[in-house]
C-alpha cells in the first residue's frame, strides 16, 4: 500500500515528509514528483511505510492537518490508471489535424 499526500507546500522536501511520517512508524520510501520542465515540486507525494497499521495511523492523524501553511489531503493511494497508448485526449484526423472541440475553427 502507498499513501497519497496532497496540497503540499512547494517548498517541501523528501526529508521534511519523511520526518513527519516517521512519527507514525518506519518510512520505507518517499516519492516527491517534480515538474519535468521546471524541476519544481508538483505539490503532492507518495509515502510507503513499513506496515499497513502505520500507514492507517498516519492517514488518520494527518488528513486535514495544517502543515507548512496548508491543509494536507492524506489518503490511501489509488492504483495508477492505464492511460493506454493513444497519446492524448484530443481526437485528430488522419492528417494529424485536431478539432478544437468547440465548434470553432479547425487546426
N, C-alpha and C. Protein backbone atom coordinates (compact mmCIF):
# COMPACT_ATOMS: atom_id res chain seq x y z
N UNK A 1 0.84 -1.19 0.00
CA UNK A 1 0.00 0.00 0.00
C UNK A 1 0.88 1.25 0.00
N UNK A 2 0.32 2.31 -0.49
CA UNK A 2 1.02 3.57 -0.54
C UNK A 2 0.06 4.67 -0.09
N UNK A 3 0.60 5.74 0.43
CA UNK A 3 -0.20 6.87 0.90
C UNK A 3 -0.02 8.03 -0.07
N UNK A 4 -1.13 8.65 -0.46
CA UNK A 4 -1.10 9.87 -1.26
C UNK A 4 -1.14 11.05 -0.30
N UNK A 5 -0.25 12.02 -0.50
CA UNK A 5 -0.22 13.23 0.32
C UNK A 5 -0.35 14.41 -0.63
N UNK A 6 -1.46 15.13 -0.53
CA UNK A 6 -1.72 16.24 -1.44
C UNK A 6 -1.77 17.57 -0.73
N UNK A 7 -1.79 18.62 -1.54
CA UNK A 7 -1.83 20.02 -1.08
C UNK A 7 -0.57 20.38 -0.29
N UNK A 8 0.56 19.86 -0.76
CA UNK A 8 1.83 20.16 -0.11
C UNK A 8 2.37 21.52 -0.54
N UNK A 9 3.12 22.13 0.35
CA UNK A 9 3.83 23.35 0.02
C UNK A 9 4.85 23.06 -1.07
N UNK A 10 5.08 24.01 -1.94
CA UNK A 10 6.08 23.84 -3.00
C UNK A 10 7.51 23.92 -2.45
N UNK A 11 7.62 24.23 -1.17
CA UNK A 11 8.94 24.31 -0.53
C UNK A 11 9.33 23.01 0.17
N UNK A 12 8.45 22.02 0.21
CA UNK A 12 8.67 20.80 0.96
C UNK A 12 9.78 19.95 0.33
N UNK A 13 10.46 19.18 1.17
CA UNK A 13 11.50 18.26 0.70
C UNK A 13 11.12 16.83 1.11
N UNK A 14 11.79 15.85 0.51
CA UNK A 14 11.57 14.47 0.89
C UNK A 14 11.87 14.27 2.36
N UNK A 15 12.91 14.92 2.84
CA UNK A 15 13.30 14.80 4.24
C UNK A 15 12.20 15.34 5.17
N UNK A 16 11.59 16.48 4.80
CA UNK A 16 10.50 17.04 5.60
C UNK A 16 9.37 16.03 5.73
N UNK A 17 8.97 15.44 4.60
CA UNK A 17 7.87 14.48 4.60
C UNK A 17 8.23 13.25 5.42
N UNK A 18 9.43 12.74 5.22
CA UNK A 18 9.87 11.56 5.95
C UNK A 18 9.85 11.81 7.46
N UNK A 19 10.29 12.98 7.88
CA UNK A 19 10.30 13.31 9.31
C UNK A 19 8.90 13.35 9.91
N UNK A 20 7.94 13.90 9.18
CA UNK A 20 6.57 13.98 9.69
C UNK A 20 5.96 12.58 9.79
N UNK A 21 6.14 11.77 8.75
CA UNK A 21 5.53 10.43 8.75
C UNK A 21 6.25 9.48 9.69
N UNK A 22 7.50 9.74 10.02
CA UNK A 22 8.26 8.88 10.93
C UNK A 22 7.66 8.87 12.34
N UNK A 23 6.86 9.89 12.65
CA UNK A 23 6.19 9.91 13.96
C UNK A 23 5.17 8.78 14.08
N UNK A 24 4.79 8.18 12.95
CA UNK A 24 3.76 7.14 12.96
C UNK A 24 4.30 5.76 12.59
N UNK A 25 5.61 5.66 12.36
CA UNK A 25 6.21 4.37 12.05
C UNK A 25 7.42 4.53 11.13
N UNK A 26 7.88 3.42 10.59
CA UNK A 26 9.06 3.40 9.74
C UNK A 26 8.69 3.78 8.31
N UNK A 27 9.31 4.82 7.80
CA UNK A 27 9.08 5.25 6.43
C UNK A 27 10.04 4.49 5.52
N UNK A 28 9.48 3.74 4.58
CA UNK A 28 10.30 2.97 3.64
C UNK A 28 10.72 3.79 2.43
N UNK A 29 9.80 4.63 1.94
CA UNK A 29 10.11 5.40 0.74
C UNK A 29 9.21 6.62 0.64
N UNK A 30 9.76 7.71 0.12
CA UNK A 30 9.00 8.92 -0.18
C UNK A 30 9.27 9.27 -1.63
N UNK A 31 8.20 9.44 -2.41
CA UNK A 31 8.32 9.91 -3.79
C UNK A 31 7.73 11.30 -3.84
N UNK A 32 8.50 12.26 -4.32
CA UNK A 32 8.07 13.64 -4.41
C UNK A 32 8.22 14.08 -5.87
N UNK A 33 7.17 13.87 -6.69
CA UNK A 33 7.29 14.19 -8.12
C UNK A 33 7.58 15.67 -8.37
N UNK A 34 8.39 15.90 -9.39
CA UNK A 34 8.72 17.27 -9.79
C UNK A 34 8.29 17.49 -11.24
N UNK A 35 8.07 18.74 -11.59
CA UNK A 35 7.72 19.11 -12.95
C UNK A 35 8.92 18.87 -13.86
N UNK A 36 8.70 18.25 -15.00
CA UNK A 36 9.80 17.91 -15.91
C UNK A 36 10.51 19.14 -16.45
N UNK A 37 9.77 20.20 -16.71
CA UNK A 37 10.35 21.39 -17.31
C UNK A 37 11.02 22.30 -16.30
N UNK A 38 10.37 22.52 -15.15
CA UNK A 38 10.89 23.49 -14.19
C UNK A 38 11.69 22.86 -13.05
N UNK A 39 11.48 21.56 -12.82
CA UNK A 39 12.14 20.89 -11.71
C UNK A 39 11.49 21.19 -10.36
N UNK A 40 10.41 21.96 -10.38
CA UNK A 40 9.73 22.36 -9.16
C UNK A 40 8.82 21.23 -8.66
N UNK A 41 8.71 21.11 -7.34
CA UNK A 41 7.83 20.12 -6.72
C UNK A 41 6.41 20.37 -7.20
N UNK A 42 5.66 19.29 -7.45
CA UNK A 42 4.32 19.40 -8.01
C UNK A 42 3.21 19.53 -6.97
N UNK A 43 3.54 19.47 -5.68
CA UNK A 43 2.53 19.70 -4.65
C UNK A 43 1.89 18.45 -4.09
N UNK A 44 2.42 17.28 -4.45
CA UNK A 44 1.92 16.04 -3.87
C UNK A 44 3.07 15.05 -3.75
N UNK A 45 2.83 13.99 -2.96
CA UNK A 45 3.86 12.97 -2.75
C UNK A 45 3.19 11.63 -2.47
N UNK A 46 4.01 10.60 -2.52
CA UNK A 46 3.58 9.26 -2.14
C UNK A 46 4.54 8.75 -1.08
N UNK A 47 3.98 8.15 -0.03
CA UNK A 47 4.78 7.66 1.08
C UNK A 47 4.45 6.18 1.30
N UNK A 48 5.49 5.38 1.45
CA UNK A 48 5.31 3.97 1.81
C UNK A 48 5.90 3.76 3.18
N UNK A 49 5.14 3.05 4.02
CA UNK A 49 5.59 2.78 5.38
C UNK A 49 5.73 1.29 5.57
N UNK A 50 6.28 0.90 6.71
CA UNK A 50 6.62 -0.50 6.99
C UNK A 50 5.40 -1.41 7.10
N UNK A 51 4.28 -0.88 7.59
CA UNK A 51 3.09 -1.74 7.74
C UNK A 51 1.83 -0.94 7.44
N UNK A 52 0.78 -1.68 7.14
CA UNK A 52 -0.50 -1.04 6.86
C UNK A 52 -1.04 -0.33 8.10
N UNK A 53 -0.77 -0.89 9.28
CA UNK A 53 -1.23 -0.25 10.52
C UNK A 53 -0.57 1.12 10.70
N UNK A 54 0.72 1.22 10.38
CA UNK A 54 1.42 2.51 10.47
C UNK A 54 0.86 3.50 9.47
N UNK A 55 0.58 3.01 8.25
CA UNK A 55 0.03 3.90 7.23
C UNK A 55 -1.35 4.41 7.64
N UNK A 56 -2.17 3.53 8.19
CA UNK A 56 -3.50 3.92 8.64
C UNK A 56 -3.41 4.96 9.76
N UNK A 57 -2.49 4.77 10.69
CA UNK A 57 -2.31 5.73 11.78
C UNK A 57 -1.90 7.10 11.24
N UNK A 58 -1.00 7.11 10.25
CA UNK A 58 -0.55 8.37 9.66
C UNK A 58 -1.69 9.06 8.91
N UNK A 59 -2.47 8.29 8.17
CA UNK A 59 -3.60 8.86 7.44
C UNK A 59 -4.60 9.48 8.41
N UNK A 60 -4.95 8.73 9.45
CA UNK A 60 -5.92 9.22 10.43
C UNK A 60 -5.44 10.50 11.11
N UNK A 61 -4.16 10.57 11.40
CA UNK A 61 -3.62 11.73 12.13
C UNK A 61 -3.39 12.95 11.23
N UNK A 62 -3.00 12.71 9.98
CA UNK A 62 -2.54 13.82 9.15
C UNK A 62 -3.55 14.35 8.14
N UNK A 63 -4.57 13.58 7.80
CA UNK A 63 -5.55 14.07 6.83
C UNK A 63 -6.27 15.30 7.39
N UNK A 64 -6.16 16.41 6.69
CA UNK A 64 -6.77 17.66 7.12
C UNK A 64 -5.91 18.50 8.04
N UNK A 65 -4.77 17.95 8.48
CA UNK A 65 -3.88 18.69 9.38
C UNK A 65 -3.21 19.85 8.65
N UNK A 66 -2.99 20.93 9.36
CA UNK A 66 -2.27 22.06 8.77
C UNK A 66 -0.77 21.84 8.93
N UNK A 67 -0.04 21.99 7.83
CA UNK A 67 1.41 21.82 7.85
C UNK A 67 2.01 22.73 6.80
N UNK A 68 2.97 23.52 7.17
CA UNK A 68 3.65 24.47 6.29
C UNK A 68 2.63 25.41 5.63
N UNK A 69 1.61 25.79 6.43
CA UNK A 69 0.62 26.75 5.95
C UNK A 69 -0.45 26.18 5.04
N UNK A 70 -0.54 24.86 4.94
CA UNK A 70 -1.54 24.23 4.07
C UNK A 70 -2.24 23.10 4.79
N UNK A 71 -3.49 22.85 4.43
CA UNK A 71 -4.24 21.72 4.98
C UNK A 71 -3.99 20.50 4.11
N UNK A 72 -3.35 19.50 4.69
CA UNK A 72 -2.97 18.30 3.94
C UNK A 72 -4.18 17.46 3.55
N UNK A 73 -4.06 16.80 2.41
CA UNK A 73 -5.01 15.78 1.98
C UNK A 73 -4.23 14.48 1.98
N UNK A 74 -4.56 13.57 2.89
CA UNK A 74 -3.81 12.33 3.06
C UNK A 74 -4.78 11.15 3.00
N UNK A 75 -4.53 10.23 2.07
CA UNK A 75 -5.38 9.04 1.96
C UNK A 75 -4.62 7.91 1.29
N UNK A 76 -5.26 6.73 1.22
CA UNK A 76 -4.64 5.61 0.53
C UNK A 76 -4.51 5.97 -0.95
N UNK A 77 -3.35 5.71 -1.50
CA UNK A 77 -3.14 5.99 -2.92
C UNK A 77 -3.93 5.00 -3.75
N UNK A 78 -4.54 5.49 -4.80
CA UNK A 78 -5.27 4.62 -5.72
C UNK A 78 -4.30 4.12 -6.77
N UNK A 79 -4.52 2.91 -7.27
CA UNK A 79 -3.64 2.40 -8.32
C UNK A 79 -3.67 3.32 -9.53
N UNK A 80 -2.52 3.45 -10.17
CA UNK A 80 -2.42 4.30 -11.34
C UNK A 80 -3.24 3.70 -12.48
N UNK A 81 -4.04 4.53 -13.13
CA UNK A 81 -4.85 4.05 -14.24
C UNK A 81 -3.99 3.93 -15.49
N UNK A 82 -4.25 2.88 -16.26
CA UNK A 82 -3.55 2.72 -17.52
C UNK A 82 -4.16 3.69 -18.52
N UNK A 83 -3.35 4.61 -18.97
CA UNK A 83 -3.85 5.63 -19.89
C UNK A 83 -3.83 5.16 -21.34
N UNK A 84 -3.27 4.01 -21.59
CA UNK A 84 -3.22 3.50 -22.95
C UNK A 84 -2.17 4.22 -23.78
N UNK A 85 -2.08 3.87 -25.03
CA UNK A 85 -1.07 4.45 -25.89
C UNK A 85 -1.61 5.41 -26.92
N UNK A 86 -2.78 6.00 -26.67
CA UNK A 86 -3.39 6.86 -27.67
C UNK A 86 -2.64 8.17 -27.84
N UNK A 87 -1.90 8.59 -26.83
CA UNK A 87 -1.08 9.80 -26.96
C UNK A 87 -1.81 11.09 -26.71
N UNK A 88 -3.02 11.06 -26.25
CA UNK A 88 -3.68 12.32 -25.93
C UNK A 88 -5.18 12.20 -25.91
N UNK A 89 -5.83 13.23 -25.40
CA UNK A 89 -7.26 13.20 -25.27
C UNK A 89 -8.00 13.91 -26.39
N UNK A 90 -7.27 14.58 -27.28
CA UNK A 90 -7.92 15.29 -28.37
C UNK A 90 -7.86 14.43 -29.62
N UNK A 91 -8.99 14.19 -30.24
CA UNK A 91 -9.02 13.36 -31.44
C UNK A 91 -8.54 14.11 -32.66
N UNK A 92 -7.67 13.50 -33.43
CA UNK A 92 -7.19 14.12 -34.66
C UNK A 92 -7.61 13.33 -35.86
N UNK A 93 -7.61 13.98 -37.03
CA UNK A 93 -7.93 13.23 -38.24
C UNK A 93 -6.68 12.54 -38.77
N UNK A 94 -6.79 11.86 -39.87
CA UNK A 94 -5.67 11.07 -40.38
C UNK A 94 -4.48 11.91 -40.80
N UNK A 95 -4.67 13.21 -40.96
CA UNK A 95 -3.56 14.09 -41.34
C UNK A 95 -2.93 14.75 -40.12
N UNK A 96 -3.35 14.36 -38.90
CA UNK A 96 -2.77 14.91 -37.68
C UNK A 96 -3.37 16.23 -37.27
N UNK A 97 -4.49 16.62 -37.88
CA UNK A 97 -5.13 17.88 -37.50
C UNK A 97 -6.09 17.63 -36.35
N UNK A 98 -6.24 18.64 -35.52
CA UNK A 98 -7.08 18.50 -34.33
C UNK A 98 -8.29 19.40 -34.42
N UNK A 99 -9.41 18.87 -33.99
CA UNK A 99 -10.63 19.65 -33.90
C UNK A 99 -10.60 20.38 -32.57
N UNK A 100 -10.92 21.65 -32.57
CA UNK A 100 -10.87 22.43 -31.33
C UNK A 100 -11.92 21.99 -30.33
N UNK A 101 -12.92 21.23 -30.78
CA UNK A 101 -13.92 20.69 -29.86
C UNK A 101 -15.03 21.67 -29.52
N UNK A 102 -14.88 22.92 -29.88
CA UNK A 102 -15.89 23.91 -29.53
C UNK A 102 -16.71 24.35 -30.72
N UNK A 103 -16.62 23.64 -31.83
CA UNK A 103 -17.39 24.03 -33.00
C UNK A 103 -16.78 25.20 -33.75
N UNK A 104 -15.61 25.59 -33.33
CA UNK A 104 -14.93 26.74 -33.95
C UNK A 104 -14.04 26.30 -35.11
N UNK A 105 -12.95 26.98 -35.24
CA UNK A 105 -12.01 26.71 -36.33
C UNK A 105 -11.39 25.34 -36.19
N UNK A 106 -11.01 24.80 -37.32
CA UNK A 106 -10.22 23.55 -37.33
C UNK A 106 -8.78 23.94 -37.49
N UNK A 107 -7.93 23.22 -36.82
CA UNK A 107 -6.49 23.50 -36.89
C UNK A 107 -5.79 22.46 -37.71
